[in-house]
Amino acid sequence: CDNLILLVSGHILAQGPAARVLTPENLAAAFGVTAI
């Protein structure tokens, strides 16, 4: 994907280029997981 929108409970947590949206920090905030 070129651009993404990361939703949490129906609200936008992050949007933009995939590498800036799918960060360890955003994934922790959205799903409570540790990501590498």
PDB file of all heavy atoms in Angstrom:
ATOM      1  N   CYS A   1       0.828  -1.210   0.000  1.00  0.00           N
ATOM      2  CA  CYS A   1       0.000   0.000   0.000  1.00  0.00           C
ATOM      3  C   CYS A   1       0.857   1.252   0.000  1.00  0.00           C
ATOM      4  O   CYS A   1       1.866   1.328   0.698  1.00  0.00           O
ATOM      5  CB  CYS A   1      -0.917   0.014   1.224  1.00  0.00           C
ATOM      6  SG  CYS A   1      -2.138  -1.312   1.212  1.00  0.00           S
ATOM      7  N   ASP A   2       0.442   2.227  -0.778  1.00  0.00           N
ATOM      8  CA  ASP A   2       1.147   3.506  -0.800  1.00  0.00           C
ATOM      9  C   ASP A   2       0.754   4.365   0.388  1.00  0.00           C
ATOM     10  O   ASP A   2       1.599   4.969   1.033  1.00  0.00           O
ATOM     11  CB  ASP A   2       0.848   4.268  -2.090  1.00  0.00           C
ATOM     12  CG  ASP A   2       1.403   3.562  -3.318  1.00  0.00           C
ATOM     13  OD1 ASP A   2       2.495   2.983  -3.224  1.00  0.00           O
ATOM     14  OD2 ASP A   2       0.728   3.588  -4.349  1.00  0.00           O
ATOM     15  N   ASN A   3      -0.538   4.428   0.676  1.00  0.00           N
ATOM     16  CA  ASN A   3      -1.056   5.241   1.772  1.00  0.00           C
ATOM     17  C   ASN A   3      -2.050   4.421   2.581  1.00  0.00           C
ATOM     18  O   ASN A   3      -2.775   3.593   2.025  1.00  0.00           O
ATOM     19  CB  ASN A   3      -1.749   6.499   1.248  1.00  0.00           C
ATOM     20  CG  ASN A   3      -0.755   7.470   0.672  1.00  0.00           C
ATOM     21  OD1 ASN A   3      -0.016   8.089   1.419  1.00  0.00           O
ATOM     22  ND2 ASN A   3      -0.731   7.597  -0.633  1.00  0.00           N
ATOM     23  N   LEU A   4      -2.063   4.653   3.878  1.00  0.00           N
ATOM     24  CA  LEU A   4      -2.939   3.913   4.782  1.00  0.00           C
ATOM     25  C   LEU A   4      -3.645   4.857   5.733  1.00  0.00           C
ATOM     26  O   LEU A   4      -3.171   5.957   6.001  1.00  0.00           O
ATOM     27  CB  LEU A   4      -2.125   2.932   5.634  1.00  0.00           C
ATOM     28  CG  LEU A   4      -1.339   1.853   4.925  1.00  0.00           C
ATOM     29  CD1 LEU A   4      -0.479   1.102   5.939  1.00  0.00           C
ATOM     30  CD2 LEU A   4      -2.265   0.907   4.231  1.00  0.00           C
ATOM     31  N   ILE A   5      -4.754   4.369   6.266  1.00  0.00           N
ATOM     32  CA  ILE A   5      -5.422   5.010   7.391  1.00  0.00           C
ATOM     33  C   ILE A   5      -5.532   3.941   8.463  1.00  0.00           C
ATOM     34  O   ILE A   5      -6.059   2.858   8.211  1.00  0.00           O
ATOM     35  CB  ILE A   5      -6.817   5.539   7.011  1.00  0.00           C
ATOM     36  CG1 ILE A   5      -6.691   6.641   5.966  1.00  0.00           C
ATOM     37  CG2 ILE A   5      -7.549   6.049   8.250  1.00  0.00           C
ATOM     38  CD1 ILE A   5      -8.024   7.128   5.423  1.00  0.00           C
ATOM     39  N   LEU A   6      -5.012   4.216   9.644  1.00  0.00           N
ATOM     40  CA  LEU A   6      -5.077   3.296  10.773  1.00  0.00           C
ATOM     41  C   LEU A   6      -6.186   3.781  11.697  1.00  0.00           C
ATOM     42  O   LEU A   6      -6.104   4.879  12.258  1.00  0.00           O
ATOM     43  CB  LEU A   6      -3.734   3.262  11.511  1.00  0.00           C
ATOM     44  CG  LEU A   6      -3.631   2.341  12.726  1.00  0.00           C
ATOM     45  CD1 LEU A   6      -3.925   0.893  12.354  1.00  0.00           C
ATOM     46  CD2 LEU A   6      -2.244   2.458  13.350  1.00  0.00           C
ATOM     47  N   LEU A   7      -7.242   2.967  11.803  1.00  0.00           N
ATOM     48  CA  LEU A   7      -8.401   3.315  12.621  1.00  0.00           C
ATOM     49  C   LEU A   7      -8.362   2.590  13.951  1.00  0.00           C
ATOM     50  O   LEU A   7      -7.988   1.421  14.018  1.00  0.00           O
ATOM     51  CB  LEU A   7      -9.695   2.929  11.904  1.00  0.00           C
ATOM     52  CG  LEU A   7      -9.993   3.619  10.588  1.00  0.00           C
ATOM     53  CD1 LEU A   7     -11.211   2.991   9.932  1.00  0.00           C
ATOM     54  CD2 LEU A   7     -10.203   5.099  10.803  1.00  0.00           C
ATOM     55  N   VAL A   8      -8.771   3.286  15.001  1.00  0.00           N
ATOM     56  CA  VAL A   8      -8.927   2.697  16.326  1.00  0.00           C
ATOM     57  C   VAL A   8     -10.277   3.157  16.849  1.00  0.00           C
ATOM     58  O   VAL A   8     -10.520   4.363  16.969  1.00  0.00           O
ATOM     59  CB  VAL A   8      -7.799   3.141  17.283  1.00  0.00           C
ATOM     60  CG1 VAL A   8      -8.029   2.574  18.666  1.00  0.00           C
ATOM     61  CG2 VAL A   8      -6.449   2.716  16.747  1.00  0.00           C
ATOM     62  N   SER A   9     -11.147   2.209  17.100  1.00  0.00           N
ATOM     63  CA  SER A   9     -12.500   2.515  17.587  1.00  0.00           C
ATOM     64  C   SER A   9     -13.208   3.549  16.712  1.00  0.00           C
ATOM     65  O   SER A   9     -13.865   4.457  17.199  1.00  0.00           O
ATOM     66  CB  SER A   9     -12.447   3.003  19.036  1.00  0.00           C
ATOM     67  OG  SER A   9     -11.891   2.019  19.870  1.00  0.00           O
ATOM     68  N   GLY A  10     -13.013   3.429  15.394  1.00  0.00           N
ATOM     69  CA  GLY A  10     -13.685   4.323  14.461  1.00  0.00           C
ATOM     70  C   GLY A  10     -13.042   5.685  14.293  1.00  0.00           C
ATOM     71  O   GLY A  10     -13.575   6.534  13.586  1.00  0.00           O
ATOM     72  N   HIS A  11     -11.903   5.911  14.936  1.00  0.00           N
ATOM     73  CA  HIS A  11     -11.204   7.191  14.840  1.00  0.00           C
ATOM     74  C   HIS A  11      -9.843   6.995  14.183  1.00  0.00           C
ATOM     75  O   HIS A  11      -9.190   5.978  14.387  1.00  0.00           O
ATOM     76  CB  HIS A  11     -11.010   7.813  16.225  1.00  0.00           C
ATOM     77  CG  HIS A  11     -12.307   8.065  16.923  1.00  0.00           C
ATOM     78  ND1 HIS A  11     -13.112   9.159  16.644  1.00  0.00           N
ATOM     79  CD2 HIS A  11     -12.964   7.360  17.869  1.00  0.00           C
ATOM     80  CE1 HIS A  11     -14.191   9.107  17.388  1.00  0.00           C
ATOM     81  NE2 HIS A  11     -14.126   8.017  18.148  1.00  0.00           N
ATOM     82  N   ILE A  12      -9.417   7.978  13.420  1.00  0.00           N
ATOM     83  CA  ILE A  12      -8.128   7.898  12.730  1.00  0.00           C
ATOM     84  C   ILE A  12      -7.003   8.127  13.731  1.00  0.00           C
ATOM     85  O   ILE A  12      -6.927   9.177  14.370  1.00  0.00           O
ATOM     86  CB  ILE A  12      -8.045   8.936  11.595  1.00  0.00           C
ATOM     87  CG1 ILE A  12      -9.090   8.618  10.523  1.00  0.00           C
ATOM     88  CG2 ILE A  12      -6.640   8.958  10.991  1.00  0.00           C
ATOM     89  CD1 ILE A  12      -9.205   9.659   9.431  1.00  0.00           C
ATOM     90  N   LEU A  13      -6.141   7.120  13.854  1.00  0.00           N
ATOM     91  CA  LEU A  13      -4.948   7.243  14.694  1.00  0.00           C
ATOM     92  C   LEU A  13      -3.796   7.804  13.866  1.00  0.00           C
ATOM     93  O   LEU A  13      -3.027   8.630  14.336  1.00  0.00           O
ATOM     94  CB  LEU A  13      -4.562   5.884  15.291  1.00  0.00           C
ATOM     95  CG  LEU A  13      -3.277   5.862  16.092  1.00  0.00           C
ATOM     96  CD1 LEU A  13      -3.438   6.661  17.382  1.00  0.00           C
ATOM     97  CD2 LEU A  13      -2.864   4.440  16.406  1.00  0.00           C
ATOM     98  N   ALA A  14      -3.685   7.345  12.620  1.00  0.00           N
ATOM     99  CA  ALA A  14      -2.607   7.804  11.745  1.00  0.00           C
ATOM    100  C   ALA A  14      -3.038   7.616  10.303  1.00  0.00           C
ATOM    101  O   ALA A  14      -3.809   6.717   9.986  1.00  0.00           O
ATOM    102  CB  ALA A  14      -1.326   7.023  12.012  1.00  0.00           C
ATOM    103  N   GLN A  15      -2.527   8.474   9.434  1.00  0.00           N
ATOM    104  CA  GLN A  15      -2.756   8.303   8.009  1.00  0.00           C
ATOM    105  C   GLN A  15      -1.581   8.865   7.251  1.00  0.00           C
ATOM    106  O   GLN A  15      -0.891   9.772   7.726  1.00  0.00           O
ATOM    107  CB  GLN A  15      -4.066   8.932   7.552  1.00  0.00           C
ATOM    108  CG  GLN A  15      -4.076  10.440   7.464  1.00  0.00           C
ATOM    109  CD  GLN A  15      -5.436  10.946   7.006  1.00  0.00           C
ATOM    110  OE1 GLN A  15      -6.424  10.795   7.710  1.00  0.00           O
ATOM    111  NE2 GLN A  15      -5.476  11.547   5.834  1.00  0.00           N
ATOM    112  N   GLY A  16      -1.323   8.276   6.081  1.00  0.00           N
ATOM    113  CA  GLY A  16      -0.219   8.716   5.250  1.00  0.00           C
ATOM    114  C   GLY A  16       0.506   7.529   4.663  1.00  0.00           C
ATOM    115  O   GLY A  16      -0.048   6.431   4.567  1.00  0.00           O
ATOM    116  N   PRO A  17       1.765   7.726   4.278  1.00  0.00           N
ATOM    117  CA  PRO A  17       2.554   6.633   3.710  1.00  0.00           C
ATOM    118  C   PRO A  17       2.642   5.464   4.691  1.00  0.00           C
ATOM    119  O   PRO A  17       2.733   5.656   5.913  1.00  0.00           O
ATOM    120  CB  PRO A  17       3.928   7.266   3.489  1.00  0.00           C
ATOM    121  CG  PRO A  17       3.660   8.730   3.385  1.00  0.00           C
ATOM    122  CD  PRO A  17       2.501   8.987   4.303  1.00  0.00           C
ATOM    123  N   ALA A  18       2.613   4.263   4.143  1.00  0.00           N
ATOM    124  CA  ALA A  18       2.583   3.053   4.962  1.00  0.00           C
ATOM    125  C   ALA A  18       3.701   3.024   6.004  1.00  0.00           C
ATOM    126  O   ALA A  18       3.468   2.674   7.163  1.00  0.00           O
ATOM    127  CB  ALA A  18       2.654   1.820   4.066  1.00  0.00           C
ATOM    128  N   ALA A  19       4.898   3.405   5.637  1.00  0.00           N
ATOM    129  CA  ALA A  19       6.031   3.348   6.570  1.00  0.00           C
ATOM    130  C   ALA A  19       5.868   4.324   7.737  1.00  0.00           C
ATOM    131  O   ALA A  19       6.430   4.101   8.804  1.00  0.00           O
ATOM    132  CB  ALA A  19       7.337   3.633   5.830  1.00  0.00           C
ATOM    133  N   ARG A  20       5.095   5.390   7.562  1.00  0.00           N
ATOM    134  CA  ARG A  20       4.869   6.336   8.654  1.00  0.00           C
ATOM    135  C   ARG A  20       3.657   5.971   9.497  1.00  0.00           C
ATOM    136  O   ARG A  20       3.529   6.433  10.622  1.00  0.00           O
ATOM    137  CB  ARG A  20       4.715   7.755   8.105  1.00  0.00           C
ATOM    138  CG  ARG A  20       6.077   8.384   7.840  1.00  0.00           C
ATOM    139  CD  ARG A  20       5.965   9.869   7.705  1.00  0.00           C
ATOM    140  NE  ARG A  20       5.847  10.171   6.281  1.00  0.00           N
ATOM    141  CZ  ARG A  20       5.285  11.249   5.787  1.00  0.00           C
ATOM    142  NH1 ARG A  20       4.769  12.152   6.581  1.00  0.00           N
ATOM    143  NH2 ARG A  20       5.228  11.446   4.498  1.00  0.00           N
ATOM    144  N   VAL A  21       2.761   5.166   8.942  1.00  0.00           N
ATOM    145  CA  VAL A  21       1.562   4.759   9.674  1.00  0.00           C
ATOM    146  C   VAL A  21       1.819   3.497  10.489  1.00  0.00           C
ATOM    147  O   VAL A  21       1.462   3.418  11.661  1.00  0.00           O
ATOM    148  CB  VAL A  21       0.379   4.549   8.697  1.00  0.00           C
ATOM    149  CG1 VAL A  21      -0.806   3.930   9.403  1.00  0.00           C
ATOM    150  CG2 VAL A  21       0.001   5.878   8.057  1.00  0.00           C
ATOM    151  N   LEU A  22       2.450   2.503   9.866  1.00  0.00           N
ATOM    152  CA  LEU A  22       2.687   1.227  10.547  1.00  0.00           C
ATOM    153  C   LEU A  22       4.030   1.260  11.266  1.00  0.00           C
ATOM    154  O   LEU A  22       4.997   0.622  10.865  1.00  0.00           O
ATOM    155  CB  LEU A  22       2.619   0.067   9.545  1.00  0.00           C
ATOM    156  CG  LEU A  22       1.246  -0.135   8.909  1.00  0.00           C
ATOM    157  CD1 LEU A  22       1.294  -1.271   7.909  1.00  0.00           C
ATOM    158  CD2 LEU A  22       0.184  -0.382   9.971  1.00  0.00           C
ATOM    159  N   THR A  23       4.060   2.015  12.328  1.00  0.00           N
ATOM    160  CA  THR A  23       5.257   2.110  13.164  1.00  0.00           C
ATOM    161  C   THR A  23       5.035   1.291  14.435  1.00  0.00           C
ATOM    162  O   THR A  23       3.893   1.049  14.822  1.00  0.00           O
ATOM    163  CB  THR A  23       5.543   3.562  13.566  1.00  0.00           C
ATOM    164  OG1 THR A  23       4.458   4.027  14.384  1.00  0.00           O
ATOM    165  CG2 THR A  23       5.713   4.464  12.340  1.00  0.00           C
ATOM    166  N   PRO A  24       6.100   0.884  15.091  1.00  0.00           N
ATOM    167  CA  PRO A  24       5.930   0.170  16.364  1.00  0.00           C
ATOM    168  C   PRO A  24       5.090   0.962  17.369  1.00  0.00           C
ATOM    169  O   PRO A  24       4.257   0.389  18.076  1.00  0.00           O
ATOM    170  CB  PRO A  24       7.362  -0.032  16.851  1.00  0.00           C
ATOM    171  CG  PRO A  24       8.168  -0.105  15.593  1.00  0.00           C
ATOM    172  CD  PRO A  24       7.509   0.910  14.678  1.00  0.00           C
ATOM    173  N   GLU A  25       5.260   2.261  17.400  1.00  0.00           N
ATOM    174  CA  GLU A  25       4.518   3.101  18.336  1.00  0.00           C
ATOM    175  C   GLU A  25       3.026   3.107  18.011  1.00  0.00           C
ATOM    176  O   GLU A  25       2.185   2.983  18.910  1.00  0.00           O
ATOM    177  CB  GLU A  25       5.070   4.534  18.327  1.00  0.00           C
ATOM    178  CG  GLU A  25       6.503   4.654  18.786  1.00  0.00           C
ATOM    179  CD  GLU A  25       7.540   4.277  17.731  1.00  0.00           C
ATOM    180  OE1 GLU A  25       7.221   4.196  16.531  1.00  0.00           O
ATOM    181  OE2 GLU A  25       8.692   4.030  18.140  1.00  0.00           O
ATOM    182  N   ASN A  26       2.684   3.263  16.737  1.00  0.00           N
ATOM    183  CA  ASN A  26       1.275   3.273  16.344  1.00  0.00           C
ATOM    184  C   ASN A  26       0.623   1.909  16.556  1.00  0.00           C
ATOM    185  O   ASN A  26      -0.526   1.829  16.989  1.00  0.00           O
ATOM    186  CB  ASN A  26       1.113   3.701  14.884  1.00  0.00           C
ATOM    187  CG  ASN A  26       1.314   5.177  14.684  1.00  0.00           C
ATOM    188  OD1 ASN A  26       1.283   5.964  15.626  1.00  0.00           O
ATOM    189  ND2 ASN A  26       1.534   5.579  13.444  1.00  0.00           N
ATOM    190  N   LEU A  27       1.344   0.837  16.263  1.00  0.00           N
ATOM    191  CA  LEU A  27       0.785  -0.500  16.444  1.00  0.00           C
ATOM    192  C   LEU A  27       0.589  -0.812  17.928  1.00  0.00           C
ATOM    193  O   LEU A  27      -0.386  -1.461  18.302  1.00  0.00           O
ATOM    194  CB  LEU A  27       1.658  -1.542  15.760  1.00  0.00           C
ATOM    195  CG  LEU A  27       1.712  -1.402  14.230  1.00  0.00           C
ATOM    196  CD1 LEU A  27       2.723  -2.363  13.642  1.00  0.00           C
ATOM    197  CD2 LEU A  27       0.345  -1.597  13.615  1.00  0.00           C
ATOM    198  N   ALA A  28       1.485  -0.321  18.766  1.00  0.00           N
ATOM    199  CA  ALA A  28       1.310  -0.489  20.213  1.00  0.00           C
ATOM    200  C   ALA A  28       0.075   0.268  20.693  1.00  0.00           C
ATOM    201  O   ALA A  28      -0.724  -0.252  21.473  1.00  0.00           O
ATOM    202  CB  ALA A  28       2.553  -0.020  20.958  1.00  0.00           C
ATOM    203  N   ALA A  29      -0.099   1.488  20.200  1.00  0.00           N
ATOM    204  CA  ALA A  29      -1.254   2.294  20.604  1.00  0.00           C
ATOM    205  C   ALA A  29      -2.562   1.692  20.097  1.00  0.00           C
ATOM    206  O   ALA A  29      -3.567   1.695  20.798  1.00  0.00           O
ATOM    207  CB  ALA A  29      -1.100   3.726  20.087  1.00  0.00           C
ATOM    208  N   ALA A  30      -2.560   1.164  18.894  1.00  0.00           N
ATOM    209  CA  ALA A  30      -3.780   0.650  18.283  1.00  0.00           C
ATOM    210  C   ALA A  30      -4.170  -0.730  18.791  1.00  0.00           C
ATOM    211  O   ALA A  30      -5.338  -0.993  19.046  1.00  0.00           O
ATOM    212  CB  ALA A  30      -3.625   0.604  16.759  1.00  0.00           C
ATOM    213  N   PHE A  31      -3.179  -1.607  18.948  1.00  0.00           N
ATOM    214  CA  PHE A  31      -3.479  -3.016  19.206  1.00  0.00           C
ATOM    215  C   PHE A  31      -2.848  -3.570  20.474  1.00  0.00           C
ATOM    216  O   PHE A  31      -3.066  -4.728  20.816  1.00  0.00           O
ATOM    217  CB  PHE A  31      -3.024  -3.877  18.019  1.00  0.00           C
ATOM    218  CG  PHE A  31      -3.605  -3.435  16.712  1.00  0.00           C
ATOM    219  CD1 PHE A  31      -2.796  -2.896  15.729  1.00  0.00           C
ATOM    220  CD2 PHE A  31      -4.963  -3.526  16.466  1.00  0.00           C
ATOM    221  CE1 PHE A  31      -3.317  -2.485  14.517  1.00  0.00           C
ATOM    222  CE2 PHE A  31      -5.508  -3.111  15.261  1.00  0.00           C
ATOM    223  CZ  PHE A  31      -4.686  -2.584  14.277  1.00  0.00           C
ATOM    224  N   GLY A  32      -2.027  -2.767  21.152  1.00  0.00           N
ATOM    225  CA  GLY A  32      -1.377  -3.244  22.364  1.00  0.00           C
ATOM    226  C   GLY A  32      -0.367  -4.342  22.108  1.00  0.00           C
ATOM    227  O   GLY A  32      -0.233  -5.271  22.894  1.00  0.00           O
ATOM    228  N   VAL A  33       0.343  -4.248  20.982  1.00  0.00           N
ATOM    229  CA  VAL A  33       1.341  -5.259  20.626  1.00  0.00           C
ATOM    230  C   VAL A  33       2.717  -4.625  20.488  1.00  0.00           C
ATOM    231  O   VAL A  33       2.844  -3.416  20.302  1.00  0.00           O
ATOM    232  CB  VAL A  33       0.989  -5.987  19.307  1.00  0.00           C
ATOM    233  CG1 VAL A  33      -0.331  -6.735  19.432  1.00  0.00           C
ATOM    234  CG2 VAL A  33       0.937  -5.019  18.138  1.00  0.00           C
ATOM    235  N   THR A  34       3.719  -5.468  20.590  1.00  0.00           N
ATOM    236  CA  THR A  34       5.081  -5.055  20.298  1.00  0.00           C
ATOM    237  C   THR A  34       5.390  -5.510  18.881  1.00  0.00           C
ATOM    238  O   THR A  34       5.191  -6.681  18.550  1.00  0.00           O
ATOM    239  CB  THR A  34       6.078  -5.709  21.277  1.00  0.00           C
ATOM    240  OG1 THR A  34       5.719  -5.320  22.604  1.00  0.00           O
ATOM    241  CG2 THR A  34       7.499  -5.292  20.984  1.00  0.00           C
ATOM    242  N   ALA A  35       5.824  -4.602  18.036  1.00  0.00           N
ATOM    243  CA  ALA A  35       6.098  -4.920  16.632  1.00  0.00           C
ATOM    244  C   ALA A  35       7.519  -4.531  16.281  1.00  0.00           C
ATOM    245  O   ALA A  35       8.062  -3.571  16.827  1.00  0.00           O
ATOM    246  CB  ALA A  35       5.119  -4.182  15.724  1.00  0.00           C
ATOM    247  N   ILE A  36       8.083  -5.285  15.367  1.00  0.00           N
ATOM    248  CA  ILE A  36       9.414  -4.992  14.837  1.00  0.00           C
ATOM    249  C   ILE A  36       9.282  -4.814  13.336  1.00  0.00           C
ATOM    250  O   ILE A  36       8.734  -5.673  12.646  1.00  0.00           O
ATOM    251  CB  ILE A  36      10.403  -6.134  15.138  1.00  0.00           C
ATOM    252  CG1 ILE A  36      10.588  -6.286  16.647  1.00  0.00           C
ATOM    253  CG2 ILE A  36      11.735  -5.885  14.432  1.00  0.00           C
ATOM    254  CD1 ILE A  36      11.396  -7.498  17.040  1.00  0.00           C
TER     255      ILE A  36
END
